[in-house]
Structures are given as structure tokens and as C-alpha cells.
Amino acid sequence: MRWLPLFAVIMSLTLAGCATTRPASYLVDTKGPYQLDTGDVVRVSVYGDSELSKTYKVDDKGAIAFPLVGPVLVRGSTTEVAAQRLARALANGYMRNPDVAVEIDQYRPFYIQGEIKTAGQFPYVYDMTVRAAISTAGGYTETADRNRAVVYRRQGNEMVKGAVDLDFPIFPGDTIVVQERWF
């Protein structure tokens, strides 16, 4: 009986040590307006010029190949900033006071892999969560961890990851990994 309190202290120290050896996860940012990147398709409206009002795809260099002015860099900018850049480029010798609007026509895809039925690339839908992405990919396999996932997201020049719950919002370009559960 005298060993019982000592045994309890040793067990609690052992369990406390286990709690601190959890792998670190990085915060995945969910704030801020949507930023354009490679693979996005934007609808550009130049008021008064139907020839320039079309959809354009953001290329590998992060630019839109725009008639008259050539490539205009839009990677990392919002649609408002992209419209301002296009208007400045058009005002530089091509149009007087151009009025330009830019909207997202089609988001770049998201990627999902791991313990789901159909891994791969899927079209992004605005305001999508990890739960919706898993449903889009056909659901879980038998051995999937059904409570959390890992999201990889580019933030600036860095790729960050974070363990998230199923209601975490995802963005276009994210990679979601559903891990195997351990009993």
C-alpha cells in the first residue's frame, strides 16, 4: 500500500511527459482577402471596349496576358488591385481614363490525399471547408482519422502546415491530407 502514492506520482509524470512530445503544428492563416495566383481564371470587364472584356487565365509567372499591354503581374494581389494595375497599363498610351473591373471566374483547384476514397485535384467552391472537400473526394476510407486533417498552404514564399478540424475553411491551392487513425 505504501507504494501506491509513489506509483501514482510516477505514472502522472510519465503521462505528462507524453503530452509534451506532441508534434508541433504550424498555424495556417485564414484571414485576409483572396489573393490571385497561378491557375485562377478572371473575368476582366473594360467598360466601353467589348474586345478586351474577356476571361483570362493567370499564367505560371503570375501574370495575365492582356491585349495591347502584354503581361500584367497579378499574383498575390486582390481583384481590386489587379483591376487598378490593368487600368494603369491601359492608361499608359492606349485608353483615356479606362474603367476596369476584375472578378474571379474560376478558382484554382485544391488537392486532397491520404485516407480518402478518391485522391487528386478538385475544383474549389467558395467558402469550402475540410469536411466539404472530403465529401467531394468521395468520403473516408475505413482507416481514416475522421476528426482532423492536415492542411498545407502557401503563405508568401513559405509552405506552412497545420492540424485542423473538419470545419476549417480551405482556400484554392491548399493540399489536404487525411491521415490514418491509430487506435
C-alpha atoms as a PDB file:
ATOM      1  CA  MET A   1       0.000   0.000   0.000  1.00  0.00           C
ATOM      2  CA  ARG A   2       2.886   2.364   0.683  1.00  0.00           C
ATOM      3  CA  TRP A   3       3.932   2.086  -2.940  1.00  0.00           C
ATOM      4  CA  LEU A   4       0.593   3.230  -4.310  1.00  0.00           C
ATOM      5  CA  PRO A   5       1.193   7.024  -3.877  1.00  0.00           C
ATOM      6  CA  LEU A   6       4.688   6.684  -5.342  1.00  0.00           C
ATOM      7  CA  PHE A   7       3.316   4.677  -8.260  1.00  0.00           C
ATOM      8  CA  ALA A   8       0.643   7.354  -8.884  1.00  0.00           C
ATOM      9  CA  VAL A   9       3.267  10.138  -8.951  1.00  0.00           C
ATOM     10  CA  ILE A  10       5.492   8.187 -11.364  1.00  0.00           C
ATOM     11  CA  MET A  11       2.547   7.466 -13.693  1.00  0.00           C
ATOM     12  CA  SER A  12       1.402  11.098 -13.722  1.00  0.00           C
ATOM     13  CA  LEU A  13       4.945  12.272 -14.560  1.00  0.00           C
ATOM     14  CA  THR A  14       5.143   9.702 -17.339  1.00  0.00           C
ATOM     15  CA  LEU A  15       1.825  10.815 -18.810  1.00  0.00           C
ATOM     16  CA  ALA A  16       2.784  14.489 -18.512  1.00  0.00           C
ATOM     17  CA  GLY A  17       5.943  13.737 -20.485  1.00  0.00           C
ATOM     18  CA  CYS A  18       3.864  12.143 -23.228  1.00  0.00           C
ATOM     19  CA  ALA A  19       1.705  15.244 -23.537  1.00  0.00           C
ATOM     20  CA  THR A  20       4.698  17.465 -24.277  1.00  0.00           C
ATOM     21  CA  THR A  21       6.109  15.243 -27.029  1.00  0.00           C
ATOM     22  CA  ARG A  22       3.244  16.021 -29.405  1.00  0.00           C
ATOM     23  CA  PRO A  23       4.493  17.104 -32.828  1.00  0.00           C
ATOM     24  CA  ALA A  24       4.341  20.840 -33.423  1.00  0.00           C
ATOM     25  CA  SER A  25       1.873  22.173 -35.936  1.00  0.00           C
ATOM     26  CA  TYR A  26       2.080  25.481 -37.738  1.00  0.00           C
ATOM     27  CA  LEU A  27      -0.721  27.994 -37.883  1.00  0.00           C
ATOM     28  CA  VAL A  28      -2.352  28.192 -41.256  1.00  0.00           C
ATOM     29  CA  ASP A  29      -3.591  31.710 -41.841  1.00  0.00           C
ATOM     30  CA  THR A  30      -7.317  32.075 -42.576  1.00  0.00           C
ATOM     31  CA  LYS A  31      -7.511  35.859 -42.620  1.00  0.00           C
ATOM     32  CA  GLY A  32      -7.348  38.390 -45.396  1.00  0.00           C
ATOM     33  CA  PRO A  33      -8.897  38.842 -48.818  1.00  0.00           C
ATOM     34  CA  TYR A  34      -8.474  36.312 -51.585  1.00  0.00           C
ATOM     35  CA  GLN A  35      -5.202  36.678 -53.489  1.00  0.00           C
ATOM     36  CA  LEU A  36      -4.852  35.710 -57.129  1.00  0.00           C
ATOM     37  CA  ASP A  37      -2.351  33.063 -58.166  1.00  0.00           C
ATOM     38  CA  THR A  38      -1.432  30.706 -60.998  1.00  0.00           C
ATOM     39  CA  GLY A  39      -4.423  28.727 -62.260  1.00  0.00           C
ATOM     40  CA  ASP A  40      -7.109  31.274 -61.396  1.00  0.00           C
ATOM     41  CA  VAL A  41      -9.333  32.410 -64.251  1.00  0.00           C
ATOM     42  CA  VAL A  42     -10.518  36.008 -64.015  1.00  0.00           C
ATOM     43  CA  ARG A  43     -13.223  37.876 -65.891  1.00  0.00           C
ATOM     44  CA  VAL A  44     -11.967  41.309 -66.922  1.00  0.00           C
ATOM     45  CA  SER A  45     -14.509  43.968 -67.925  1.00  0.00           C
ATOM     46  CA  VAL A  46     -13.221  47.070 -69.642  1.00  0.00           C
ATOM     47  CA  TYR A  47     -16.191  49.406 -69.870  1.00  0.00           C
ATOM     48  CA  GLY A  48     -16.655  50.748 -73.366  1.00  0.00           C
ATOM     49  CA  ASP A  49     -14.457  48.081 -75.006  1.00  0.00           C
ATOM     50  CA  SER A  50     -16.058  44.686 -75.555  1.00  0.00           C
ATOM     51  CA  GLU A  51     -12.962  43.394 -77.384  1.00  0.00           C
ATOM     52  CA  LEU A  52     -10.897  43.497 -74.172  1.00  0.00           C
ATOM     53  CA  SER A  53     -13.690  42.255 -71.894  1.00  0.00           C
ATOM     54  CA  LYS A  54     -12.988  38.518 -71.679  1.00  0.00           C
ATOM     55  CA  THR A  55     -11.802  35.813 -69.318  1.00  0.00           C
ATOM     56  CA  TYR A  56      -8.070  35.416 -68.772  1.00  0.00           C
ATOM     57  CA  LYS A  57      -6.068  32.734 -67.005  1.00  0.00           C
ATOM     58  CA  VAL A  58      -3.281  33.654 -64.591  1.00  0.00           C
ATOM     59  CA  ASP A  59      -0.179  32.019 -66.077  1.00  0.00           C
ATOM     60  CA  ASP A  60       2.759  30.253 -64.395  1.00  0.00           C
ATOM     61  CA  LYS A  61       4.544  33.567 -63.874  1.00  0.00           C
ATOM     62  CA  GLY A  62       1.502  35.035 -62.091  1.00  0.00           C
ATOM     63  CA  ALA A  63       0.520  37.358 -64.927  1.00  0.00           C
ATOM     64  CA  ILE A  64      -2.409  37.920 -67.256  1.00  0.00           C
ATOM     65  CA  ALA A  65      -1.507  38.171 -70.953  1.00  0.00           C
ATOM     66  CA  PHE A  66      -3.620  41.240 -71.738  1.00  0.00           C
ATOM     67  CA  PRO A  67      -4.091  42.572 -75.298  1.00  0.00           C
ATOM     68  CA  LEU A  68      -2.334  45.833 -76.161  1.00  0.00           C
ATOM     69  CA  VAL A  69      -0.269  45.993 -72.962  1.00  0.00           C
ATOM     70  CA  GLY A  70       1.187  42.486 -72.678  1.00  0.00           C
ATOM     71  CA  PRO A  71       1.630  40.560 -69.414  1.00  0.00           C
ATOM     72  CA  VAL A  72       0.347  42.273 -66.273  1.00  0.00           C
ATOM     73  CA  LEU A  73       1.519  40.773 -62.968  1.00  0.00           C
ATOM     74  CA  VAL A  74      -1.429  39.916 -60.668  1.00  0.00           C
ATOM     75  CA  ARG A  75      -0.056  37.124 -58.424  1.00  0.00           C
ATOM     76  CA  GLY A  76      -0.592  37.930 -54.762  1.00  0.00           C
ATOM     77  CA  SER A  77      -2.977  40.782 -55.477  1.00  0.00           C
ATOM     78  CA  THR A  78      -6.700  41.095 -54.875  1.00  0.00           C
ATOM     79  CA  THR A  79      -9.142  41.569 -57.728  1.00  0.00           C
ATOM     80  CA  GLU A  80      -9.325  45.296 -56.907  1.00  0.00           C
ATOM     81  CA  VAL A  81      -5.551  45.708 -57.124  1.00  0.00           C
ATOM     82  CA  ALA A  82      -5.470  43.664 -60.358  1.00  0.00           C
ATOM     83  CA  ALA A  83      -8.117  45.988 -61.858  1.00  0.00           C
ATOM     84  CA  GLN A  84      -6.038  49.028 -60.868  1.00  0.00           C
ATOM     85  CA  ARG A  85      -2.904  47.532 -62.471  1.00  0.00           C
ATOM     86  CA  LEU A  86      -4.762  46.775 -65.695  1.00  0.00           C
ATOM     87  CA  ALA A  87      -6.279  50.272 -65.767  1.00  0.00           C
ATOM     88  CA  ARG A  88      -2.825  51.864 -65.273  1.00  0.00           C
ATOM     89  CA  ALA A  89      -1.381  49.724 -68.067  1.00  0.00           C
ATOM     90  CA  LEU A  90      -4.229  50.705 -70.419  1.00  0.00           C
ATOM     91  CA  ALA A  91      -3.942  54.379 -69.458  1.00  0.00           C
ATOM     92  CA  ASN A  92      -0.286  54.312 -70.438  1.00  0.00           C
ATOM     93  CA  GLY A  93      -0.941  55.316 -74.064  1.00  0.00           C
ATOM     94  CA  TYR A  94      -3.875  53.092 -75.049  1.00  0.00           C
ATOM     95  CA  MET A  95      -7.054  54.467 -73.434  1.00  0.00           C
ATOM     96  CA  ARG A  96      -8.132  57.634 -71.725  1.00  0.00           C
ATOM     97  CA  ASN A  97      -9.479  57.013 -68.186  1.00  0.00           C
ATOM     98  CA  PRO A  98     -10.080  53.248 -68.522  1.00  0.00           C
ATOM     99  CA  ASP A  99     -12.670  51.781 -66.168  1.00  0.00           C
ATOM    100  CA  VAL A 100     -11.692  48.171 -65.401  1.00  0.00           C
ATOM    101  CA  ALA A 101     -13.296  45.547 -63.172  1.00  0.00           C
ATOM    102  CA  VAL A 102     -11.850  42.111 -62.339  1.00  0.00           C
ATOM    103  CA  GLU A 103     -13.856  39.183 -60.929  1.00  0.00           C
ATOM    104  CA  ILE A 104     -12.979  35.569 -60.204  1.00  0.00           C
ATOM    105  CA  ASP A 105     -14.472  33.386 -62.928  1.00  0.00           C
ATOM    106  CA  GLN A 106     -12.925  30.111 -61.798  1.00  0.00           C
ATOM    107  CA  TYR A 107     -10.780  29.411 -58.740  1.00  0.00           C
ATOM    108  CA  ARG A 108      -7.641  27.309 -58.949  1.00  0.00           C
ATOM    109  CA  PRO A 109      -8.164  23.755 -57.655  1.00  0.00           C
ATOM    110  CA  PHE A 110      -7.449  22.271 -54.235  1.00  0.00           C
ATOM    111  CA  TYR A 111      -5.736  18.921 -53.676  1.00  0.00           C
ATOM    112  CA  ILE A 112      -6.614  16.118 -51.296  1.00  0.00           C
ATOM    113  CA  GLN A 113      -4.778  12.899 -50.472  1.00  0.00           C
ATOM    114  CA  GLY A 114      -4.439  10.255 -47.817  1.00  0.00           C
ATOM    115  CA  GLU A 115      -7.189   8.123 -46.341  1.00  0.00           C
ATOM    116  CA  ILE A 116      -9.998   9.195 -48.665  1.00  0.00           C
ATOM    117  CA  LYS A 117     -11.650   7.263 -51.491  1.00  0.00           C
ATOM    118  CA  THR A 118     -10.542   9.427 -54.428  1.00  0.00           C
ATOM    119  CA  ALA A 119      -7.323  11.414 -54.065  1.00  0.00           C
ATOM    120  CA  GLY A 120      -6.484  14.144 -56.533  1.00  0.00           C
ATOM    121  CA  GLN A 121      -7.243  17.633 -57.735  1.00  0.00           C
ATOM    122  CA  PHE A 122     -10.756  19.054 -57.443  1.00  0.00           C
ATOM    123  CA  PRO A 123     -12.434  22.358 -58.349  1.00  0.00           C
ATOM    124  CA  TYR A 124     -12.690  24.770 -55.446  1.00  0.00           C
ATOM    125  CA  VAL A 125     -16.065  26.185 -54.401  1.00  0.00           C
ATOM    126  CA  TYR A 126     -16.193  29.441 -52.457  1.00  0.00           C
ATOM    127  CA  ASP A 127     -16.380  29.056 -48.651  1.00  0.00           C
ATOM    128  CA  MET A 128     -15.396  25.379 -48.717  1.00  0.00           C
ATOM    129  CA  THR A 129     -14.355  23.518 -45.546  1.00  0.00           C
ATOM    130  CA  VAL A 130     -12.236  20.413 -44.974  1.00  0.00           C
ATOM    131  CA  ARG A 131     -15.480  18.450 -44.444  1.00  0.00           C
ATOM    132  CA  ALA A 132     -16.836  19.545 -47.847  1.00  0.00           C
ATOM    133  CA  ALA A 133     -13.516  18.730 -49.524  1.00  0.00           C
ATOM    134  CA  ILE A 134     -13.590  15.200 -48.087  1.00  0.00           C
ATOM    135  CA  SER A 135     -17.140  14.761 -49.381  1.00  0.00           C
ATOM    136  CA  THR A 136     -16.054  15.999 -52.805  1.00  0.00           C
ATOM    137  CA  ALA A 137     -13.328  13.342 -52.796  1.00  0.00           C
ATOM    138  CA  GLY A 138     -15.806  10.525 -52.129  1.00  0.00           C
ATOM    139  CA  GLY A 139     -15.527  10.302 -48.351  1.00  0.00           C
ATOM    140  CA  TYR A 140     -13.245   8.434 -45.995  1.00  0.00           C
ATOM    141  CA  THR A 141     -11.618   5.027 -46.222  1.00  0.00           C
ATOM    142  CA  GLU A 142     -12.149   2.561 -43.384  1.00  0.00           C
ATOM    143  CA  THR A 143      -8.907   3.515 -41.636  1.00  0.00           C
ATOM    144  CA  ALA A 144      -9.197   7.318 -41.831  1.00  0.00           C
ATOM    145  CA  ASP A 145      -8.930   9.682 -38.882  1.00  0.00           C
ATOM    146  CA  ARG A 146     -12.420  11.203 -39.037  1.00  0.00           C
ATOM    147  CA  ASN A 147     -11.788  14.048 -36.588  1.00  0.00           C
ATOM    148  CA  ARG A 148      -8.986  16.085 -38.129  1.00  0.00           C
ATOM    149  CA  ALA A 149      -6.794  16.611 -41.170  1.00  0.00           C
ATOM    150  CA  VAL A 150      -3.574  18.395 -42.077  1.00  0.00           C
ATOM    151  CA  VAL A 151      -3.742  21.419 -44.383  1.00  0.00           C
ATOM    152  CA  TYR A 152      -0.702  22.650 -46.329  1.00  0.00           C
ATOM    153  CA  ARG A 153      -0.957  26.237 -47.543  1.00  0.00           C
ATOM    154  CA  ARG A 154       1.440  28.637 -49.215  1.00  0.00           C
ATOM    155  CA  GLN A 155       1.823  31.843 -47.213  1.00  0.00           C
ATOM    156  CA  GLY A 156       4.145  34.241 -49.009  1.00  0.00           C
ATOM    157  CA  ASN A 157       7.231  32.293 -50.038  1.00  0.00           C
ATOM    158  CA  GLU A 158       6.714  29.638 -47.403  1.00  0.00           C
ATOM    159  CA  MET A 159       4.659  26.442 -47.261  1.00  0.00           C
ATOM    160  CA  VAL A 160       3.048  26.019 -43.846  1.00  0.00           C
ATOM    161  CA  LYS A 161       1.036  23.177 -42.395  1.00  0.00           C
ATOM    162  CA  GLY A 162      -1.438  22.843 -39.611  1.00  0.00           C
ATOM    163  CA  ALA A 163      -3.533  20.141 -37.996  1.00  0.00           C
ATOM    164  CA  VAL A 164      -7.127  21.357 -38.318  1.00  0.00           C
ATOM    165  CA  ASP A 165     -10.642  20.205 -37.529  1.00  0.00           C
ATOM    166  CA  LEU A 166     -13.229  19.382 -40.184  1.00  0.00           C
ATOM    167  CA  ASP A 167     -14.908  22.812 -40.191  1.00  0.00           C
ATOM    168  CA  PHE A 168     -11.671  24.645 -41.036  1.00  0.00           C
ATOM    169  CA  PRO A 169     -12.026  26.822 -44.170  1.00  0.00           C
ATOM    170  CA  ILE A 170      -9.823  25.873 -47.100  1.00  0.00           C
ATOM    171  CA  PHE A 171      -8.605  28.036 -49.974  1.00  0.00           C
ATOM    172  CA  PRO A 172      -7.774  27.303 -53.595  1.00  0.00           C
ATOM    173  CA  GLY A 173      -4.326  25.745 -53.909  1.00  0.00           C
ATOM    174  CA  ASP A 174      -4.486  24.092 -50.469  1.00  0.00           C
ATOM    175  CA  THR A 175      -3.426  20.480 -50.045  1.00  0.00           C
ATOM    176  CA  ILE A 176      -5.442  18.467 -47.530  1.00  0.00           C
ATOM    177  CA  VAL A 177      -4.048  15.248 -46.091  1.00  0.00           C
ATOM    178  CA  VAL A 178      -6.395  12.895 -44.236  1.00  0.00           C
ATOM    179  CA  GLN A 179      -4.264  10.691 -42.049  1.00  0.00           C
ATOM    180  CA  GLU A 180      -4.752   7.152 -40.855  1.00  0.00           C
ATOM    181  CA  ARG A 181      -6.214   6.780 -37.393  1.00  0.00           C
ATOM    182  CA  TRP A 182      -4.288   4.974 -34.703  1.00  0.00           C
ATOM    183  CA  PHE A 183      -6.196   3.012 -32.141  1.00  0.00           C
END
